[in-house]
Amino acid sequence: MRSLLDATTRRSALVALGQSALVLSVAGTLGDSARAEPATAEPQGAKQLSELRRTLSGFKRRRGFPSVPFILNDERYWDREAAEVLLSYNYPHRQMWENTELAGQCVNLMREATNGQVFSHGNKDFLAISATHGSAHLALFNQQAWEKYGLAEKTDGKFASNSFIIERPGTSPHDDIQDLDGFYGPSNNNIISLQRRGMVFVGCHDSIHAIARGLRSSPALSSIPADEIAADLTNSLIPDVILVPSVVAFIAELQRSGYSYAKGT
């Protein structure tokens, strides 16, 4: 009888020991899993336009180049840090406009989108970005560059100067939003006012180099390498433009980061 009891006791102890080992094993596996796959952290980045603008102001735009290459494979030639700040902006209402035509409605559409989001939908920290390339890129050069390179001649007579960087005289952010001739109205379509409202214009190195190659075809510039003309145009971008190697490539990054896409003209 004692032998039978001893055997039964031993079997019970082994079963209990096996169950304990199984529990410890499962717990250890769950612990390893929890350590290997931590909870996803909330994306970092500015959540308000005012914060975004302060952060962007801390990154000086890279300019002053004597020459720039055809393809930018070195971040010293573009505004990588500022571009990363745009990608990390964490406000839910963000829109990217692909703007390609200088004579199109891109600035007007961005103004309308911003007015609607801010005043109608109440999204006060809405951000619109102009992903600028093609002939629309001429709007991002200062007037000195327009005069130096005769850029008005590249507009088929539509523009005698860069009127996109001129605000309507007498307008102010304190204007009545219903005033058609005021700061928020259609008579004040320009890049500078949009920048003052927090909107961002992204420039394209590929477009700049293409414009430079086109300019070099003229007899007056034929002896100057396209890389040098492109550098001078880059140095002539209006303040606060964020330069990226290729806007069409950056569009994919913006969409991946949550920006909605809109096609300008």
Protein backbone atom coordinates (compact mmCIF):
# COMPACT_ATOMS: atom_id res chain seq x y z
CA MET A 1 0.00 0.00 0.00
CA ARG A 2 2.82 2.43 0.95
CA SER A 3 4.55 1.71 -2.38
CA LEU A 4 1.36 2.48 -4.27
CA LEU A 5 0.85 5.73 -2.35
CA ASP A 6 4.44 6.76 -2.91
CA ALA A 7 4.10 6.15 -6.65
CA THR A 8 0.87 8.12 -6.79
CA THR A 9 2.46 10.99 -4.88
CA ARG A 10 5.45 11.03 -7.20
CA ARG A 11 3.23 11.05 -10.28
CA SER A 12 1.18 13.93 -8.87
CA ALA A 13 4.31 15.90 -8.10
CA LEU A 14 5.68 15.36 -11.61
CA VAL A 15 2.41 16.46 -13.18
CA ALA A 16 2.34 19.59 -11.01
CA LEU A 17 5.97 20.29 -11.85
CA GLY A 18 5.27 19.88 -15.55
CA GLN A 19 2.29 22.23 -15.38
CA SER A 20 4.38 24.82 -13.53
CA ALA A 21 7.11 24.57 -16.15
CA LEU A 22 4.56 25.03 -18.93
CA VAL A 23 3.13 28.14 -17.25
CA LEU A 24 6.62 29.60 -16.79
CA SER A 25 7.48 28.80 -20.39
CA VAL A 26 4.36 30.50 -21.74
CA ALA A 27 4.89 33.50 -19.48
CA GLY A 28 8.48 33.75 -20.63
CA THR A 29 7.43 33.59 -24.28
CA LEU A 30 4.84 36.30 -23.77
CA GLY A 31 7.41 38.40 -21.96
CA ASP A 32 9.88 37.99 -24.83
CA SER A 33 7.15 38.85 -27.33
CA ALA A 34 6.22 41.98 -25.42
CA ARG A 35 9.84 43.06 -25.32
CA ALA A 36 10.38 42.29 -29.01
CA GLU A 37 7.25 44.14 -30.19
CA PRO A 38 6.74 47.25 -28.05
CA ALA A 39 3.60 49.32 -28.44
CA THR A 40 3.78 51.65 -31.41
CA ALA A 41 4.75 55.14 -30.25
CA GLU A 42 2.79 58.15 -31.44
CA PRO A 43 4.57 59.80 -34.40
CA GLN A 44 6.72 62.71 -33.36
CA GLY A 45 6.47 66.09 -35.04
CA ALA A 46 4.81 69.48 -34.79
CA LYS A 47 1.04 69.45 -34.29
CA GLN A 48 0.41 73.16 -34.77
CA LEU A 49 1.36 75.56 -37.55
CA SER A 50 3.05 77.91 -35.10
CA GLU A 51 5.24 75.07 -33.85
CA LEU A 52 5.98 73.96 -37.40
CA ARG A 53 7.05 77.46 -38.42
CA ARG A 54 9.34 77.79 -35.39
CA THR A 55 10.96 74.46 -36.17
CA LEU A 56 11.43 75.28 -39.85
CA SER A 57 12.95 78.65 -39.00
CA GLY A 58 15.69 76.81 -37.13
CA PHE A 59 16.97 75.23 -40.33
CA LYS A 60 18.81 77.61 -42.64
CA ARG A 61 18.19 76.88 -46.30
CA ARG A 62 21.28 75.70 -48.16
CA ARG A 63 22.26 78.30 -50.74
CA GLY A 64 25.41 80.05 -51.99
CA PHE A 65 26.46 77.29 -54.38
CA PRO A 66 29.06 77.91 -57.10
CA SER A 67 27.90 74.78 -58.95
CA VAL A 68 25.38 71.97 -58.47
CA PRO A 69 25.27 68.54 -60.16
CA PHE A 70 22.54 67.14 -62.37
CA ILE A 71 21.38 64.56 -59.77
CA LEU A 72 21.59 65.37 -56.07
CA ASN A 73 23.02 62.36 -54.25
CA ASP A 74 24.62 64.46 -51.50
CA GLU A 75 22.39 66.07 -48.88
CA ARG A 76 24.67 69.11 -48.67
CA TYR A 77 22.95 70.38 -51.83
CA TRP A 78 19.37 70.41 -50.54
CA ASP A 79 17.23 71.21 -47.50
CA ARG A 80 16.92 67.70 -46.12
CA GLU A 81 16.27 68.65 -42.49
CA ALA A 82 13.48 71.09 -43.34
CA ALA A 83 11.94 68.50 -45.67
CA GLU A 84 11.93 65.95 -42.82
CA VAL A 85 10.10 68.46 -40.63
CA LEU A 86 7.35 68.70 -43.26
CA LEU A 87 7.06 64.91 -43.43
CA SER A 88 6.69 64.67 -39.65
CA TYR A 89 3.98 67.34 -39.28
CA ASN A 90 1.39 65.58 -37.17
CA TYR A 91 -1.80 67.61 -37.68
CA PRO A 92 -4.48 65.39 -39.29
CA HIS A 93 -5.50 67.91 -41.97
CA ARG A 94 -2.66 68.23 -44.50
CA GLN A 95 -2.76 68.68 -48.25
CA MET A 96 -0.14 68.62 -50.97
CA TRP A 97 -0.72 70.42 -54.27
CA GLU A 98 1.23 69.32 -57.33
CA ASN A 99 1.66 72.59 -59.21
CA THR A 100 3.19 72.54 -62.68
CA GLU A 101 1.86 75.45 -64.76
CA LEU A 102 2.91 79.06 -64.12
CA ALA A 103 -0.27 80.43 -65.73
CA GLY A 104 -2.51 77.98 -63.88
CA GLN A 105 -4.68 78.43 -60.80
CA CYS A 106 -2.32 76.90 -58.26
CA VAL A 107 -1.98 79.89 -55.90
CA ASN A 108 -5.70 80.66 -56.10
CA LEU A 109 -6.62 77.04 -55.36
CA MET A 110 -4.27 76.86 -52.39
CA ARG A 111 -5.80 80.08 -51.02
CA GLU A 112 -9.31 78.66 -51.43
CA ALA A 113 -8.37 75.36 -49.81
CA THR A 114 -6.79 77.15 -46.87
CA ASN A 115 -9.77 79.48 -46.42
CA GLY A 116 -12.19 76.56 -46.52
CA GLN A 117 -10.24 74.40 -44.10
CA VAL A 118 -9.57 77.19 -41.61
CA PHE A 119 -12.75 79.29 -41.71
CA SER A 120 -15.38 76.75 -42.79
CA HIS A 121 -14.19 73.46 -41.30
CA GLY A 122 -12.40 74.95 -38.29
CA ASN A 123 -9.06 73.26 -38.96
CA LYS A 124 -6.94 76.20 -37.88
CA ASP A 125 -3.62 74.35 -38.22
CA PHE A 126 -4.32 73.07 -41.73
CA LEU A 127 -1.18 72.92 -43.85
CA ALA A 128 -1.07 73.16 -47.64
CA ILE A 129 2.19 72.43 -49.43
CA SER A 130 2.98 73.40 -53.00
CA ALA A 131 5.02 70.65 -54.65
CA THR A 132 6.30 72.91 -57.40
CA HIS A 133 7.87 71.87 -60.68
CA GLY A 134 7.61 72.52 -64.41
CA SER A 135 7.00 76.11 -65.52
CA ALA A 136 5.35 76.87 -62.15
CA HIS A 137 8.85 76.82 -60.71
CA LEU A 138 9.58 80.22 -62.27
CA ALA A 139 7.37 81.74 -59.54
CA LEU A 140 9.88 80.64 -56.90
CA PHE A 141 12.77 82.76 -58.26
CA ASN A 142 13.28 86.33 -57.08
CA GLN A 143 12.84 89.30 -59.40
CA GLN A 144 16.60 89.72 -59.78
CA ALA A 145 16.80 86.26 -61.37
CA TRP A 146 13.87 87.10 -63.63
CA GLU A 147 15.73 90.14 -64.90
CA LYS A 148 19.16 88.50 -65.12
CA TYR A 149 17.96 85.50 -67.14
CA GLY A 150 15.04 87.10 -68.99
CA LEU A 151 12.58 84.67 -67.45
CA ALA A 152 9.61 86.76 -68.60
CA GLU A 153 10.45 85.61 -72.13
CA LYS A 154 9.84 82.03 -70.99
CA THR A 155 6.19 82.78 -70.15
CA ASP A 156 4.91 83.37 -73.71
CA GLY A 157 4.17 86.98 -72.85
CA LYS A 158 1.84 86.15 -69.94
CA PHE A 159 4.04 87.71 -67.25
CA ALA A 160 6.37 90.71 -67.44
CA SER A 161 7.67 90.11 -63.92
CA ASN A 162 7.24 87.73 -61.01
CA SER A 163 3.90 89.06 -59.81
CA PHE A 164 3.43 85.93 -57.66
CA ILE A 165 5.68 87.38 -54.97
CA ILE A 166 3.82 90.70 -54.68
CA GLU A 167 1.10 91.18 -52.06
CA ARG A 168 -1.84 93.45 -52.79
CA PRO A 169 -1.01 96.87 -51.26
CA GLY A 170 -2.84 97.69 -48.04
CA THR A 171 -3.87 94.12 -47.18
CA SER A 172 -3.39 92.64 -43.72
CA PRO A 173 -4.18 89.40 -41.87
CA HIS A 174 -6.53 91.55 -39.80
CA ASP A 175 -8.77 92.15 -42.85
CA ASP A 176 -12.38 91.00 -42.86
CA ILE A 177 -12.43 87.49 -44.30
CA GLN A 178 -15.43 88.50 -46.46
CA ASP A 179 -13.50 91.32 -48.15
CA LEU A 180 -12.87 90.24 -51.75
CA ASP A 181 -10.04 92.75 -52.05
CA GLY A 182 -8.59 91.93 -48.64
CA PHE A 183 -5.86 89.61 -47.43
CA TYR A 184 -8.00 86.47 -47.80
CA GLY A 185 -9.76 87.42 -51.03
CA PRO A 186 -9.17 86.48 -54.69
CA SER A 187 -7.58 89.85 -55.41
CA ASN A 188 -4.65 88.86 -53.19
CA ASN A 189 -3.48 85.64 -54.83
CA ASN A 190 0.24 85.43 -54.15
CA ILE A 191 2.89 83.22 -52.61
CA ILE A 192 4.01 85.66 -49.91
CA SER A 193 0.57 85.94 -48.28
CA LEU A 194 0.23 82.15 -48.27
CA GLN A 195 3.65 81.81 -46.66
CA ARG A 196 2.60 84.30 -43.99
CA ARG A 197 -0.35 82.03 -43.27
CA GLY A 198 2.00 79.07 -42.78
CA MET A 199 1.75 77.45 -46.21
CA VAL A 200 4.97 75.97 -47.58
CA PHE A 201 6.43 75.99 -51.10
CA VAL A 202 8.73 73.14 -52.05
CA GLY A 203 11.22 73.70 -54.86
CA CYS A 204 12.58 71.08 -57.26
CA HIS A 205 16.25 70.74 -58.14
CA ASP A 206 15.40 68.68 -61.23
CA SER A 207 13.23 71.53 -62.54
CA ILE A 208 15.91 74.10 -61.74
CA HIS A 209 18.54 72.15 -63.66
CA ALA A 210 16.17 71.69 -66.60
CA ILE A 211 15.51 75.45 -66.67
CA ALA A 212 19.26 76.06 -66.52
CA ARG A 213 19.88 73.75 -69.48
CA GLY A 214 17.20 75.58 -71.43
CA LEU A 215 18.74 78.97 -70.64
CA ARG A 216 22.16 77.74 -71.71
CA SER A 217 20.84 77.25 -75.24
CA SER A 218 20.88 81.03 -75.72
CA PRO A 219 24.10 82.50 -77.24
CA ALA A 220 24.64 84.81 -74.24
CA LEU A 221 24.81 81.86 -71.82
CA SER A 222 26.17 79.09 -74.02
CA SER A 223 29.66 79.35 -72.52
CA ILE A 224 28.42 78.90 -68.93
CA PRO A 225 28.00 75.30 -67.69
CA ALA A 226 24.44 74.32 -66.85
CA ASP A 227 25.60 73.28 -63.37
CA GLU A 228 26.68 76.88 -62.68
CA ILE A 229 23.46 78.42 -64.00
CA ALA A 230 21.46 75.94 -61.91
CA ALA A 231 23.48 76.93 -58.83
CA ASP A 232 22.77 80.62 -59.43
CA LEU A 233 19.05 79.92 -59.84
CA THR A 234 19.09 77.86 -56.64
CA ASN A 235 20.73 80.76 -54.84
CA SER A 236 17.94 83.00 -56.20
CA LEU A 237 15.02 81.08 -54.67
CA ILE A 238 12.71 83.30 -52.65
CA PRO A 239 12.99 83.04 -48.83
CA ASP A 240 11.63 79.97 -47.02
CA VAL A 241 11.38 77.72 -50.09
CA ILE A 242 12.38 74.17 -49.17
CA LEU A 243 14.53 72.62 -51.89
CA VAL A 244 14.33 68.87 -52.55
CA PRO A 245 16.21 66.83 -55.18
CA SER A 246 13.06 65.85 -57.10
CA VAL A 247 9.53 67.05 -56.38
CA VAL A 248 7.94 64.08 -58.13
CA ALA A 249 9.93 61.81 -55.82
CA PHE A 250 9.06 63.91 -52.76
CA ILE A 251 5.36 63.68 -53.61
CA ALA A 252 5.55 59.96 -52.86
CA GLU A 253 7.13 60.71 -49.48
CA LEU A 254 4.43 63.25 -48.65
CA GLN A 255 1.65 60.82 -49.53
CA ARG A 256 3.31 58.07 -47.50
CA SER A 257 3.39 60.49 -44.54
CA GLY A 258 -0.36 61.12 -44.76
CA TYR A 259 -0.74 64.18 -46.96
CA SER A 260 -3.75 64.14 -49.27
CA TYR A 261 -2.98 64.76 -52.93
CA ALA A 262 -4.47 67.53 -55.06
CA LYS A 263 -3.51 68.36 -58.63
CA GLY A 264 -3.07 72.02 -59.37
CA THR A 265 -2.72 73.33 -62.91
